[in-house]
Each structure stands twice: as structure tokens, then as C-alpha cells.
Amino acid sequence: MVEIRVQRTIAAPQDRVFDWLADPKSLTAAPAILRVRWAKGSPPLGLGAVREATCVGMWLREEYTAYDPPRSFSYRIVRAVPAIDHDGGTLTLTPAADGTHVDWDTAYTHPAWVGGKVLEAVTGAAIRSSFAAILAACAKALETP
């Protein structure tokens, strides 16, 4: 199982950080994420919303499974190519003395028939890097110089 945790403190108010991170188009700040959009027929941003991401070497359909602005939101990959068994992901935002602290956690496996542990080594590094790039872009967009 791949378990990823990326953290960053962003010098911006919690509600602004939450709004930026919950917006699917913000995910394209990661170089490996080419396009993100709401799935056809998806409810609006919030619980039950479904986004689709086209990434380098991967396609994901994710559903928001919890939505508690401006504190946290969770999602689960419900379909993917290559296949993924996702335990879910959660972004938790907490006030910090110098802004907002973000914890981004996720855990998943790839079935053996699509590459299993070998594919997990590749996607684990790519996803960790993508999460860090997204949080860096959030900081760049929201922090005042």
C-alpha cells in the first residue's frame, strides 16, 4: 500500500486556502496533471461532486466524500486507468500562527494485474511530487509578497 502525506503551511487565511484547493482546476498546477473538469452530470462543488483528471499516464474519476469548509474535504477515486484501489484522500486545514497548515493524506494500491508494487513505486513518487507542486502553487497564488 502506498501512503502519502504532504504538509505545508501557507501564509493566507484558511477560507482562501480551502477555496483554492477545493477548486478542481487548481490541480493543474502540478505538471503531471493535464486537465481537470467536473464530470458530466456532477453536482456542484461539495459533497457528492465528481471531478475527472487527465494526467500523464493516468486518468482518474474522483468523488468528494466529505466537505466541511473551510476545515477539510475528502475524496475517493472511483474509477481509474490504470486501475487503483483507493482508500481515500483528505485535505485538512488548520489555523496556524503564520497562516493555514495543510495536511494532505491519501492511501492506495494498484492491483497486481496492472503492475502492483512496481506501478506503485512510480505513481507514489509522481503523486507525492504533484501534491507538493499543488501546495506550492497555492502558496504562490495566495501569499502576499
C-alpha atoms as a PDB file:
ATOM      1  CA  MET A   1       0.000   0.000   0.000  1.00  0.00           C
ATOM      2  CA  VAL A   2       1.181   3.499  -0.858  1.00  0.00           C
ATOM      3  CA  GLU A   3       0.590   6.027   1.896  1.00  0.00           C
ATOM      4  CA  ILE A   4       1.306   9.652   1.068  1.00  0.00           C
ATOM      5  CA  ARG A   5       1.283  12.630   3.387  1.00  0.00           C
ATOM      6  CA  VAL A   6       2.302  16.078   2.223  1.00  0.00           C
ATOM      7  CA  GLN A   7       2.178  19.090   4.518  1.00  0.00           C
ATOM      8  CA  ARG A   8       2.703  22.803   4.072  1.00  0.00           C
ATOM      9  CA  THR A   9       1.877  25.980   5.932  1.00  0.00           C
ATOM     10  CA  ILE A  10       0.552  28.676   3.622  1.00  0.00           C
ATOM     11  CA  ALA A  11       0.618  32.316   4.720  1.00  0.00           C
ATOM     12  CA  ALA A  12      -3.007  33.011   3.809  1.00  0.00           C
ATOM     13  CA  PRO A  13      -6.414  32.825   5.519  1.00  0.00           C
ATOM     14  CA  GLN A  14      -7.925  29.366   5.915  1.00  0.00           C
ATOM     15  CA  ASP A  15     -11.052  30.105   3.847  1.00  0.00           C
ATOM     16  CA  ARG A  16      -8.997  31.323   0.868  1.00  0.00           C
ATOM     17  CA  VAL A  17      -6.675  28.305   1.021  1.00  0.00           C
ATOM     18  CA  PHE A  18      -9.666  25.960   1.239  1.00  0.00           C
ATOM     19  CA  ASP A  19     -11.428  27.567  -1.734  1.00  0.00           C
ATOM     20  CA  TRP A  20      -8.258  27.438  -3.849  1.00  0.00           C
ATOM     21  CA  LEU A  21      -7.545  23.776  -3.059  1.00  0.00           C
ATOM     22  CA  ALA A  22     -11.160  22.596  -3.427  1.00  0.00           C
ATOM     23  CA  ASP A  23     -11.402  24.052  -6.940  1.00  0.00           C
ATOM     24  CA  PRO A  24     -10.553  21.227  -9.391  1.00  0.00           C
ATOM     25  CA  LYS A  25      -8.742  23.484 -11.843  1.00  0.00           C
ATOM     26  CA  SER A  26      -6.136  24.184  -9.137  1.00  0.00           C
ATOM     27  CA  LEU A  27      -4.916  20.601  -9.540  1.00  0.00           C
ATOM     28  CA  THR A  28      -3.441  21.517 -12.933  1.00  0.00           C
ATOM     29  CA  ALA A  29      -0.709  23.396 -11.039  1.00  0.00           C
ATOM     30  CA  ALA A  30       1.049  20.015 -10.964  1.00  0.00           C
ATOM     31  CA  PRO A  31       2.942  19.456 -14.240  1.00  0.00           C
ATOM     32  CA  ALA A  32       1.723  15.840 -14.492  1.00  0.00           C
ATOM     33  CA  ILE A  33      -1.957  16.860 -14.297  1.00  0.00           C
ATOM     34  CA  LEU A  34      -3.021  17.970 -17.748  1.00  0.00           C
ATOM     35  CA  ARG A  35      -6.744  18.672 -17.303  1.00  0.00           C
ATOM     36  CA  VAL A  36      -9.370  18.524 -14.568  1.00  0.00           C
ATOM     37  CA  ARG A  37     -13.066  19.120 -15.039  1.00  0.00           C
ATOM     38  CA  TRP A  38     -16.377  18.348 -13.430  1.00  0.00           C
ATOM     39  CA  ALA A  39     -17.818  15.062 -14.650  1.00  0.00           C
ATOM     40  CA  LYS A  40     -20.928  15.305 -16.778  1.00  0.00           C
ATOM     41  CA  GLY A  41     -23.973  15.483 -14.524  1.00  0.00           C
ATOM     42  CA  SER A  42     -21.902  16.138 -11.400  1.00  0.00           C
ATOM     43  CA  PRO A  43     -23.481  18.147  -8.620  1.00  0.00           C
ATOM     44  CA  PRO A  44     -21.701  21.440  -7.876  1.00  0.00           C
ATOM     45  CA  LEU A  45     -18.633  21.670  -5.658  1.00  0.00           C
ATOM     46  CA  GLY A  46     -19.359  19.909  -2.382  1.00  0.00           C
ATOM     47  CA  LEU A  47     -20.382  16.502  -1.090  1.00  0.00           C
ATOM     48  CA  GLY A  48     -21.038  14.127  -3.999  1.00  0.00           C
ATOM     49  CA  ALA A  49     -19.338  16.302  -6.637  1.00  0.00           C
ATOM     50  CA  VAL A  50     -17.336  14.283  -9.172  1.00  0.00           C
ATOM     51  CA  ARG A  51     -14.218  15.502 -10.945  1.00  0.00           C
ATOM     52  CA  GLU A  52     -12.215  13.856 -13.717  1.00  0.00           C
ATOM     53  CA  ALA A  53      -8.481  14.321 -14.113  1.00  0.00           C
ATOM     54  CA  THR A  54      -6.371  13.533 -17.132  1.00  0.00           C
ATOM     55  CA  CYS A  55      -2.761  13.076 -16.074  1.00  0.00           C
ATOM     56  CA  VAL A  56       0.444  11.937 -17.727  1.00  0.00           C
ATOM     57  CA  GLY A  57      -0.092   8.164 -17.908  1.00  0.00           C
ATOM     58  CA  MET A  58      -3.273   8.129 -15.814  1.00  0.00           C
ATOM     59  CA  TRP A  59      -6.973   9.044 -15.832  1.00  0.00           C
ATOM     60  CA  LEU A  60      -8.964   9.465 -12.598  1.00  0.00           C
ATOM     61  CA  ARG A  61     -12.606   9.924 -11.640  1.00  0.00           C
ATOM     62  CA  GLU A  62     -12.883  11.197  -8.072  1.00  0.00           C
ATOM     63  CA  GLU A  63     -15.912  11.810  -5.868  1.00  0.00           C
ATOM     64  CA  TYR A  64     -15.986  14.248  -2.946  1.00  0.00           C
ATOM     65  CA  THR A  65     -16.979  12.077   0.038  1.00  0.00           C
ATOM     66  CA  ALA A  66     -16.856  14.773   2.738  1.00  0.00           C
ATOM     67  CA  TYR A  67     -16.956  18.545   2.502  1.00  0.00           C
ATOM     68  CA  ASP A  68     -16.548  20.773   5.570  1.00  0.00           C
ATOM     69  CA  PRO A  69     -15.430  24.263   4.514  1.00  0.00           C
ATOM     70  CA  PRO A  70     -13.011  25.713   5.478  1.00  0.00           C
ATOM     71  CA  ARG A  71     -11.667  22.805   7.556  1.00  0.00           C
ATOM     72  CA  SER A  72     -11.451  19.733   5.333  1.00  0.00           C
ATOM     73  CA  PHE A  73     -12.637  17.784   2.345  1.00  0.00           C
ATOM     74  CA  SER A  74     -12.194  14.182   1.325  1.00  0.00           C
ATOM     75  CA  TYR A  75     -12.385  12.352  -1.972  1.00  0.00           C
ATOM     76  CA  ARG A  76     -12.178   8.832  -3.302  1.00  0.00           C
ATOM     77  CA  ILE A  77     -11.029   7.618  -6.682  1.00  0.00           C
ATOM     78  CA  VAL A  78     -13.985   5.645  -8.009  1.00  0.00           C
ATOM     79  CA  ARG A  79     -12.526   4.798 -11.448  1.00  0.00           C
ATOM     80  CA  ALA A  80      -9.037   4.990 -12.849  1.00  0.00           C
ATOM     81  CA  VAL A  81      -6.819   3.914 -15.700  1.00  0.00           C
ATOM     82  CA  PRO A  82      -4.631   2.162 -14.725  1.00  0.00           C
ATOM     83  CA  ALA A  83      -6.801   0.596 -12.029  1.00  0.00           C
ATOM     84  CA  ILE A  84      -6.366   1.777  -8.456  1.00  0.00           C
ATOM     85  CA  ASP A  85      -7.871   0.672  -5.149  1.00  0.00           C
ATOM     86  CA  HIS A  86      -8.141   3.957  -3.269  1.00  0.00           C
ATOM     87  CA  ASP A  87      -8.664   4.155   0.475  1.00  0.00           C
ATOM     88  CA  GLY A  88      -9.437   7.848   0.061  1.00  0.00           C
ATOM     89  CA  GLY A  89      -7.725  11.178   0.343  1.00  0.00           C
ATOM     90  CA  THR A  90      -8.276  14.029   2.774  1.00  0.00           C
ATOM     91  CA  LEU A  91      -7.082  17.604   2.931  1.00  0.00           C
ATOM     92  CA  THR A  92      -7.235  19.019   6.443  1.00  0.00           C
ATOM     93  CA  LEU A  93      -6.696  22.735   7.013  1.00  0.00           C
ATOM     94  CA  THR A  94      -5.970  24.183  10.432  1.00  0.00           C
ATOM     95  CA  PRO A  95      -5.199  27.732  11.506  1.00  0.00           C
ATOM     96  CA  ALA A  96      -1.530  28.366  12.210  1.00  0.00           C
ATOM     97  CA  ALA A  97       0.271  31.378  13.653  1.00  0.00           C
ATOM     98  CA  ASP A  98       1.596  32.220  10.206  1.00  0.00           C
ATOM     99  CA  GLY A  99      -1.427  31.241   8.081  1.00  0.00           C
ATOM    100  CA  THR A 100      -3.021  27.890   7.346  1.00  0.00           C
ATOM    101  CA  HIS A 101      -1.455  24.472   7.821  1.00  0.00           C
ATOM    102  CA  VAL A 102      -2.486  21.898   5.191  1.00  0.00           C
ATOM    103  CA  ASP A 103      -2.190  18.134   5.654  1.00  0.00           C
ATOM    104  CA  TRP A 104      -2.909  16.111   2.510  1.00  0.00           C
ATOM    105  CA  ASP A 105      -3.183  12.366   3.089  1.00  0.00           C
ATOM    106  CA  THR A 106      -4.032   9.525   0.737  1.00  0.00           C
ATOM    107  CA  ALA A 107      -3.535   5.762   0.550  1.00  0.00           C
ATOM    108  CA  TYR A 108      -3.992   3.317  -2.318  1.00  0.00           C
ATOM    109  CA  THR A 109      -2.812   0.166  -4.040  1.00  0.00           C
ATOM    110  CA  HIS A 110      -2.639  -0.923  -7.651  1.00  0.00           C
ATOM    111  CA  PRO A 111      -3.886  -4.444  -8.406  1.00  0.00           C
ATOM    112  CA  ALA A 112      -1.200  -6.931  -9.418  1.00  0.00           C
ATOM    113  CA  TRP A 113      -2.690  -7.284 -12.913  1.00  0.00           C
ATOM    114  CA  VAL A 114      -1.811  -3.623 -13.741  1.00  0.00           C
ATOM    115  CA  GLY A 115       1.659  -3.682 -12.218  1.00  0.00           C
ATOM    116  CA  GLY A 116       1.070  -3.817  -8.473  1.00  0.00           C
ATOM    117  CA  LYS A 117       4.107  -2.851  -6.412  1.00  0.00           C
ATOM    118  CA  VAL A 118       6.166  -1.830  -9.455  1.00  0.00           C
ATOM    119  CA  LEU A 119       3.492   0.638 -10.598  1.00  0.00           C
ATOM    120  CA  GLU A 120       3.041   1.846  -7.009  1.00  0.00           C
ATOM    121  CA  ALA A 121       6.720   2.869  -6.898  1.00  0.00           C
ATOM    122  CA  VAL A 122       6.209   5.025  -9.981  1.00  0.00           C
ATOM    123  CA  THR A 123       2.835   6.525  -9.107  1.00  0.00           C
ATOM    124  CA  GLY A 124       3.790   7.075  -5.459  1.00  0.00           C
ATOM    125  CA  ALA A 125       6.680   9.334  -6.413  1.00  0.00           C
ATOM    126  CA  ALA A 126       4.609  11.137  -9.060  1.00  0.00           C
ATOM    127  CA  ILE A 127       1.631  11.719  -6.771  1.00  0.00           C
ATOM    128  CA  ARG A 128       3.788  12.939  -3.864  1.00  0.00           C
ATOM    129  CA  SER A 129       5.509  15.373  -6.233  1.00  0.00           C
ATOM    130  CA  SER A 130       2.156  16.516  -7.646  1.00  0.00           C
ATOM    131  CA  PHE A 131       0.693  17.170  -4.196  1.00  0.00           C
ATOM    132  CA  ALA A 132       3.777  19.226  -3.257  1.00  0.00           C
ATOM    133  CA  ALA A 133       3.536  21.198  -6.529  1.00  0.00           C
ATOM    134  CA  ILE A 134      -0.147  21.958  -5.928  1.00  0.00           C
ATOM    135  CA  LEU A 135       0.511  23.204  -2.394  1.00  0.00           C
ATOM    136  CA  ALA A 136       3.442  25.306  -3.646  1.00  0.00           C
ATOM    137  CA  ALA A 137       1.241  26.839  -6.337  1.00  0.00           C
ATOM    138  CA  CYS A 138      -1.430  27.589  -3.719  1.00  0.00           C
ATOM    139  CA  ALA A 139       1.165  29.383  -1.607  1.00  0.00           C
ATOM    140  CA  LYS A 140       2.418  31.329  -4.613  1.00  0.00           C
ATOM    141  CA  ALA A 141      -1.114  32.346  -5.607  1.00  0.00           C
ATOM    142  CA  LEU A 142      -2.307  33.389  -2.142  1.00  0.00           C
ATOM    143  CA  GLU A 143       0.666  34.587  -0.134  1.00  0.00           C
ATOM    144  CA  THR A 144       1.298  38.293  -0.230  1.00  0.00           C
ATOM    145  CA  PRO A 145       4.845  39.309  -1.154  1.00  0.00           C
END
